[in-house]
Amino acid sequence: MADVITYRDAVAEGIAREMRRDASVVCLGEDIAAAGGVFKTTTGLLEEFGPERVCDTPISEQAIVGAAMGAALTGMRPVAEIMFSDFLACCWDYLANEIPKIRYMTGGQVTVPLVVRTANGGGLGFGAQHSQATENWALTVPGLKIAAPATPADVIGMLAAAIRSDDPVVFFEHKGLFATKGPPPPVDHVVELGRAAVVREGGDITLVALASMVPLALKAAGVLAGEGIEVEVVDLRCLVPLDTATVLASLRKTSRLLTVEENPYQGGWGATVVSVVADEGFGLLDAPVRRVAGECVPLPFADALEQQVIPTVDKVVTEVRRLAAY
């Protein structure tokens, strides 16, 4: 394998590794076969595994997720693609009311081991119906695991864990990260779901981020280091399971917390992290907890307006300065 791999190619590589390992893994979605996916994240899968395991579907999110649920119930491990995460709304009954409840309602007798992959997030000028970060939608549903990798290596490792999970996983791939590059992970690389990563160490402020907000947080940390403020950046990687232990361990060093999320401020995952810290780590804090999040408005199409709505490096730097000076 090459010295570097793109986030986009890591998706196909991660799926391919699991399909080679386990014949029960199949893929289904719109234009994922011959076309290689609208974002080219399934390129090469049809050629290697054939049409019985890589299936194009009609343009119906209900059909895709419903078929995946049925396949999972009969012993397969389907990987279903919903092209844009905004379109999860079209299959929400399956995703919120059926799939996450079956294991519980059968007393553990029946599992639904499926992955719903989806392209998530803004910053590319795709407009209000194709740019939302929707992790917080899934966060409201007990029974779903939620993964959102920030690097190519994590894409591969977390896909392995997601596909092997006996619980349903919603796997958010950020559109703004597809072209980014990183070192490919070793063979058999698996990243346990629910284990955050400290991707930059620092002693002054803990900055908790997810997906595309991780490189943004690292850029902000680089700017702030020039001012003598050392930021520790925690990549949550997953929202369910949520690794609050790593966040609290970081807070023991820094005593200050800032969450950075693309979700709208209202109902965003940062509020959950903050509430856990207030409950379990209040004594560790030397300053108020702050959140940088998306604004509570539909995402604009115009680039300049979109940057006003989603978090930016400047917004993060400004908030960290305020916290450091408290």
Protein backbone atom coordinates (compact mmCIF):
# COMPACT_ATOMS: atom_id res chain seq x y z
CA MET A 1 0.00 0.00 0.00
CA ALA A 2 1.12 3.59 -0.63
CA ASP A 3 2.72 5.75 2.05
CA VAL A 4 -0.47 7.79 2.31
CA ILE A 5 -4.15 7.12 1.71
CA THR A 6 -7.02 9.54 1.29
CA TYR A 7 -10.00 9.51 3.64
CA ARG A 8 -12.13 8.71 0.57
CA ASP A 9 -10.04 5.68 -0.42
CA ALA A 10 -9.88 4.57 3.22
CA VAL A 11 -13.64 4.02 3.17
CA ALA A 12 -13.40 1.57 0.26
CA GLU A 13 -10.32 -0.05 1.78
CA GLY A 14 -11.99 -0.47 5.16
CA ILE A 15 -15.06 -2.10 3.63
CA ALA A 16 -12.96 -4.31 1.35
CA ARG A 17 -10.88 -5.61 4.27
CA GLU A 18 -14.02 -6.73 6.08
CA MET A 19 -15.59 -8.22 2.95
CA ARG A 20 -12.44 -10.31 2.42
CA ARG A 21 -12.51 -11.43 6.04
CA ASP A 22 -16.22 -12.24 6.29
CA ALA A 23 -18.37 -13.52 3.42
CA SER A 24 -21.55 -12.35 5.19
CA VAL A 25 -20.64 -8.68 4.65
CA VAL A 26 -22.58 -7.10 1.76
CA CYS A 27 -23.00 -3.53 0.51
CA LEU A 28 -26.09 -1.78 -0.80
CA GLY A 29 -26.95 1.77 -1.76
CA GLU A 30 -27.55 4.20 -4.62
CA ASP A 31 -24.83 4.13 -7.32
CA ILE A 32 -22.34 2.30 -5.10
CA ALA A 33 -21.57 -0.48 -7.59
CA ALA A 34 -20.47 0.40 -11.15
CA ALA A 35 -20.30 4.12 -10.38
CA GLY A 36 -18.18 3.59 -7.26
CA GLY A 37 -20.39 5.88 -5.19
CA VAL A 38 -21.28 9.52 -5.75
CA PHE A 39 -18.29 10.46 -3.56
CA LYS A 40 -16.16 7.61 -4.97
CA THR A 41 -16.03 5.88 -1.59
CA THR A 42 -16.89 2.40 -2.94
CA THR A 43 -14.57 2.35 -5.95
CA GLY A 44 -13.31 -1.14 -6.79
CA LEU A 45 -15.73 -3.07 -4.60
CA LEU A 46 -17.96 -4.30 -7.44
CA GLU A 47 -14.94 -5.46 -9.43
CA GLU A 48 -13.54 -7.45 -6.53
CA PHE A 49 -16.69 -8.84 -4.92
CA GLY A 50 -19.28 -8.94 -7.71
CA PRO A 51 -22.93 -7.86 -7.98
CA GLU A 52 -24.22 -10.37 -5.42
CA ARG A 53 -22.31 -8.59 -2.62
CA VAL A 54 -22.24 -5.00 -3.96
CA CYS A 55 -25.77 -4.00 -4.95
CA ASP A 56 -27.18 -0.84 -6.48
CA THR A 57 -30.60 0.05 -5.15
CA PRO A 58 -33.54 2.20 -6.22
CA ILE A 59 -33.56 5.81 -5.06
CA SER A 60 -35.36 5.03 -1.82
CA GLU A 61 -33.77 5.40 1.58
CA GLN A 62 -36.61 3.36 3.09
CA ALA A 63 -35.88 0.51 0.68
CA ILE A 64 -32.13 0.62 1.39
CA VAL A 65 -32.37 0.58 5.18
CA GLY A 66 -35.37 -1.76 5.21
CA ALA A 67 -33.52 -4.28 3.06
CA ALA A 68 -30.43 -3.92 5.24
CA MET A 69 -32.52 -4.59 8.35
CA GLY A 70 -33.99 -7.72 6.79
CA ALA A 71 -30.55 -8.93 5.70
CA ALA A 72 -29.12 -8.37 9.18
CA LEU A 73 -32.00 -10.27 10.77
CA THR A 74 -31.24 -13.30 8.59
CA GLY A 75 -27.54 -13.57 9.39
CA MET A 76 -25.82 -11.16 7.03
CA ARG A 77 -23.77 -8.07 7.94
CA PRO A 78 -25.00 -5.38 5.53
CA VAL A 79 -23.27 -2.06 5.00
CA ALA A 80 -25.92 0.34 3.70
CA GLU A 81 -25.10 3.75 2.25
CA ILE A 82 -27.39 6.75 2.58
CA MET A 83 -25.87 9.23 0.16
CA PHE A 84 -26.30 12.38 2.29
CA SER A 85 -26.87 12.28 6.03
CA ASP A 86 -29.72 14.77 5.58
CA PHE A 87 -31.62 11.92 3.88
CA LEU A 88 -31.59 9.84 7.05
CA ALA A 89 -34.86 11.67 7.66
CA CYS A 90 -36.38 9.64 4.80
CA CYS A 91 -35.74 6.31 6.56
CA TRP A 92 -36.07 7.56 10.12
CA ASP A 93 -38.81 5.11 11.10
CA TYR A 94 -36.52 2.14 10.45
CA LEU A 95 -33.49 3.84 11.97
CA ALA A 96 -35.19 5.20 15.08
CA ASN A 97 -38.19 2.95 15.73
CA GLU A 98 -37.28 -0.50 14.43
CA ILE A 99 -33.57 -1.31 14.09
CA PRO A 100 -32.31 -0.06 17.49
CA LYS A 101 -35.15 -1.69 19.44
CA ILE A 102 -35.18 -5.26 18.12
CA ARG A 103 -32.38 -6.61 20.32
CA TYR A 104 -34.04 -5.18 23.42
CA MET A 105 -37.56 -6.26 22.49
CA THR A 106 -36.45 -9.85 21.86
CA GLY A 107 -34.54 -10.07 25.12
CA GLY A 108 -31.24 -10.32 23.26
CA GLN A 109 -32.36 -13.28 21.13
CA VAL A 110 -32.13 -11.31 17.87
CA THR A 111 -29.39 -8.89 16.86
CA VAL A 112 -29.31 -6.41 13.97
CA PRO A 113 -25.64 -6.20 12.96
CA LEU A 114 -25.72 -3.53 10.28
CA VAL A 115 -23.86 -0.35 9.43
CA VAL A 116 -25.52 2.70 7.89
CA ARG A 117 -22.78 4.79 6.24
CA THR A 118 -23.52 8.35 5.24
CA ALA A 119 -21.79 11.49 3.97
CA ASN A 120 -22.15 14.18 6.60
CA GLY A 121 -21.49 17.84 7.25
CA GLY A 122 -21.03 21.20 5.59
CA GLY A 123 -18.34 23.64 4.54
CA LEU A 124 -18.62 22.84 0.82
CA GLY A 125 -21.51 25.07 -0.20
CA PHE A 126 -24.00 22.26 -0.79
CA GLY A 127 -26.93 24.20 0.66
CA ALA A 128 -29.46 23.67 3.42
CA GLN A 129 -30.64 20.15 2.49
CA HIS A 130 -27.24 18.59 1.71
CA SER A 131 -24.89 20.12 4.31
CA GLN A 132 -26.19 19.29 7.77
CA ALA A 133 -24.15 17.59 10.45
CA THR A 134 -26.75 15.19 11.83
CA GLU A 135 -24.92 13.20 14.50
CA ASN A 136 -27.17 14.82 17.08
CA TRP A 137 -30.26 13.31 15.39
CA ALA A 138 -28.93 9.80 15.98
CA LEU A 139 -27.74 10.70 19.48
CA THR A 140 -31.36 10.96 20.63
CA VAL A 141 -32.04 7.29 19.79
CA PRO A 142 -31.07 4.66 22.38
CA GLY A 143 -29.71 1.50 20.75
CA LEU A 144 -27.63 3.07 17.97
CA LYS A 145 -23.85 3.32 18.04
CA ILE A 146 -22.51 6.51 16.47
CA ALA A 147 -19.07 6.74 14.85
CA ALA A 148 -17.49 9.75 13.12
CA PRO A 149 -13.81 9.31 12.18
CA ALA A 150 -11.45 12.22 11.48
CA THR A 151 -8.51 10.42 9.81
CA PRO A 152 -8.05 7.75 7.11
CA ALA A 153 -6.56 5.30 9.63
CA ASP A 154 -9.55 5.76 11.92
CA VAL A 155 -11.93 5.30 8.99
CA ILE A 156 -10.47 1.85 8.35
CA GLY A 157 -10.15 0.85 12.01
CA MET A 158 -13.58 2.09 13.02
CA LEU A 159 -15.27 0.54 9.98
CA ALA A 160 -13.80 -2.80 11.04
CA ALA A 161 -15.23 -2.40 14.55
CA ALA A 162 -18.57 -1.14 13.21
CA ILE A 163 -19.06 -3.99 10.74
CA ARG A 164 -18.13 -6.57 13.40
CA SER A 165 -20.50 -5.04 15.97
CA ASP A 166 -23.66 -6.95 16.79
CA ASP A 167 -25.40 -3.61 17.39
CA PRO A 168 -26.42 -1.21 14.60
CA VAL A 169 -23.91 1.56 13.87
CA VAL A 170 -24.49 4.87 12.11
CA PHE A 171 -21.15 5.73 10.50
CA PHE A 172 -20.72 9.41 9.60
CA GLU A 173 -18.12 10.15 6.91
CA HIS A 174 -17.42 13.87 6.61
CA LYS A 175 -17.64 15.25 3.08
CA GLY A 176 -15.06 17.93 3.87
CA LEU A 177 -12.49 15.27 4.83
CA PHE A 178 -12.73 13.00 1.77
CA ALA A 179 -9.68 14.55 0.07
CA THR A 180 -7.52 14.62 3.21
CA LYS A 181 -4.60 12.22 3.48
CA GLY A 182 -2.86 10.25 6.19
CA PRO A 183 -0.75 7.15 6.75
CA PRO A 184 -2.56 3.88 6.04
CA PRO A 185 -3.01 1.63 9.08
CA PRO A 186 -1.53 -1.87 9.33
CA VAL A 187 -3.41 -5.00 8.31
CA ASP A 188 -6.02 -6.09 10.88
CA HIS A 189 -6.25 -2.53 12.25
CA VAL A 190 -9.32 -2.20 14.50
CA VAL A 191 -10.25 0.87 16.54
CA GLU A 192 -12.58 0.03 19.40
CA LEU A 193 -15.79 2.04 19.21
CA GLY A 194 -16.10 4.38 22.18
CA ARG A 195 -12.42 5.11 22.69
CA ALA A 196 -11.43 8.75 22.23
CA ALA A 197 -7.91 9.82 21.20
CA VAL A 198 -5.77 12.64 22.58
CA VAL A 199 -4.39 13.93 19.27
CA ARG A 200 -2.47 16.88 20.74
CA GLU A 201 -1.27 17.22 24.33
CA GLY A 202 -1.40 20.46 26.27
CA GLY A 203 -1.80 21.67 29.82
CA ASP A 204 -3.93 24.81 29.55
CA ILE A 205 -7.30 23.97 27.96
CA THR A 206 -9.08 20.78 26.85
CA LEU A 207 -10.67 21.10 23.42
CA VAL A 208 -13.08 18.28 22.53
CA ALA A 209 -13.92 17.80 18.85
CA LEU A 210 -15.35 15.29 16.37
CA ALA A 211 -14.84 14.54 12.66
CA SER A 212 -13.96 17.66 10.61
CA MET A 213 -13.77 19.73 13.76
CA VAL A 214 -10.65 17.78 14.79
CA PRO A 215 -8.31 19.23 12.11
CA LEU A 216 -9.97 22.60 12.70
CA ALA A 217 -9.22 22.31 16.42
CA LEU A 218 -5.62 21.33 15.68
CA LYS A 219 -5.19 24.41 13.47
CA ALA A 220 -6.57 26.60 16.24
CA ALA A 221 -4.23 24.93 18.75
CA GLY A 222 -1.29 25.73 16.48
CA VAL A 223 -2.26 29.41 16.38
CA LEU A 224 -2.71 29.52 20.16
CA ALA A 225 0.63 27.81 20.82
CA GLY A 226 2.24 30.87 19.27
CA GLU A 227 0.57 32.91 22.01
CA GLY A 228 1.77 30.62 24.79
CA ILE A 229 -1.58 28.80 25.23
CA GLU A 230 -1.15 25.02 25.09
CA VAL A 231 -4.38 23.31 24.01
CA GLU A 232 -5.03 19.60 24.48
CA VAL A 233 -7.18 18.30 21.61
CA VAL A 234 -9.39 15.25 22.22
CA ASP A 235 -10.92 13.51 19.20
CA LEU A 236 -14.05 11.79 20.55
CA ARG A 237 -14.27 9.54 17.46
CA CYS A 238 -17.61 8.15 18.73
CA LEU A 239 -20.65 9.65 20.40
CA VAL A 240 -22.07 6.24 21.39
CA PRO A 241 -20.31 4.80 23.26
CA LEU A 242 -19.09 8.15 24.63
CA ASP A 243 -15.61 8.18 26.17
CA THR A 244 -16.12 10.71 28.95
CA ALA A 245 -13.28 9.13 30.94
CA THR A 246 -10.71 10.50 28.48
CA VAL A 247 -12.32 13.95 28.63
CA LEU A 248 -12.28 13.96 32.44
CA ALA A 249 -8.67 12.74 32.52
CA SER A 250 -7.69 15.65 30.28
CA LEU A 251 -9.61 18.09 32.47
CA ARG A 252 -7.60 16.96 35.49
CA LYS A 253 -4.59 18.47 33.71
CA THR A 254 -6.14 21.58 32.19
CA SER A 255 -9.16 22.56 34.37
CA ARG A 256 -10.75 24.29 31.36
CA LEU A 257 -13.07 22.81 28.71
CA LEU A 258 -14.25 23.89 25.26
CA THR A 259 -16.31 21.68 22.94
CA VAL A 260 -16.28 22.27 19.19
CA GLU A 261 -19.10 20.75 17.14
CA GLU A 262 -20.65 21.28 13.75
CA ASN A 263 -24.08 20.27 15.05
CA PRO A 264 -26.36 23.22 15.83
CA TYR A 265 -25.84 24.62 19.34
CA GLN A 266 -29.42 23.71 20.21
CA GLY A 267 -29.41 20.00 21.01
CA GLY A 268 -25.81 19.44 19.94
CA TRP A 269 -23.64 16.64 21.35
CA GLY A 270 -21.45 19.18 23.13
CA ALA A 271 -24.30 19.78 25.56
CA THR A 272 -24.20 16.11 26.54
CA VAL A 273 -20.44 16.22 27.12
CA VAL A 274 -20.80 19.42 29.14
CA SER A 275 -23.59 17.95 31.28
CA VAL A 276 -21.47 14.89 32.12
CA VAL A 277 -18.55 17.12 33.06
CA ALA A 278 -20.79 19.28 35.23
CA ASP A 279 -22.11 16.14 36.95
CA GLU A 280 -18.91 14.13 37.31
CA GLY A 281 -16.09 16.65 37.00
CA PHE A 282 -17.35 19.94 38.39
CA GLY A 283 -14.56 20.06 40.94
CA LEU A 284 -11.96 19.87 38.18
CA LEU A 285 -13.09 23.15 36.57
CA ASP A 286 -11.44 26.53 37.13
CA ALA A 287 -13.58 28.34 34.54
CA PRO A 288 -17.03 28.11 32.93
CA VAL A 289 -17.43 25.47 30.25
CA ARG A 290 -17.79 26.88 26.73
CA ARG A 291 -19.20 25.51 23.47
CA VAL A 292 -18.47 26.50 19.89
CA ALA A 293 -21.19 25.05 17.65
CA GLY A 294 -23.16 25.63 14.50
CA GLU A 295 -25.75 28.39 14.53
CA CYS A 296 -29.41 27.39 14.80
CA VAL A 297 -30.30 28.34 11.22
CA PRO A 298 -30.56 26.41 7.94
CA LEU A 299 -27.17 26.23 6.25
CA PRO A 300 -26.69 28.91 3.59
CA PHE A 301 -25.51 28.07 0.08
CA ALA A 302 -23.15 31.05 -0.24
CA ASP A 303 -19.63 30.31 1.04
CA ALA A 304 -19.28 33.55 2.98
CA LEU A 305 -22.61 33.02 4.72
CA GLU A 306 -21.90 29.34 5.44
CA GLN A 307 -18.70 30.33 7.24
CA GLN A 308 -20.79 32.57 9.48
CA VAL A 309 -22.90 29.57 10.52
CA ILE A 310 -20.38 26.74 11.07
CA PRO A 311 -17.41 26.77 13.47
CA THR A 312 -14.16 28.25 12.16
CA VAL A 313 -10.59 28.44 13.41
CA ASP A 314 -11.09 32.10 14.30
CA LYS A 315 -14.19 31.35 16.38
CA VAL A 316 -12.33 28.64 18.29
CA VAL A 317 -9.24 30.80 18.86
CA THR A 318 -11.39 33.66 20.17
CA GLU A 319 -13.22 31.40 22.62
CA VAL A 320 -10.02 29.75 23.88
CA ARG A 321 -8.48 33.17 24.52
CA ARG A 322 -11.52 34.10 26.60
CA LEU A 323 -11.25 30.89 28.61
CA ALA A 324 -7.52 31.26 29.14
CA ALA A 325 -8.00 34.77 30.46
CA TYR A 326 -10.79 33.85 32.85
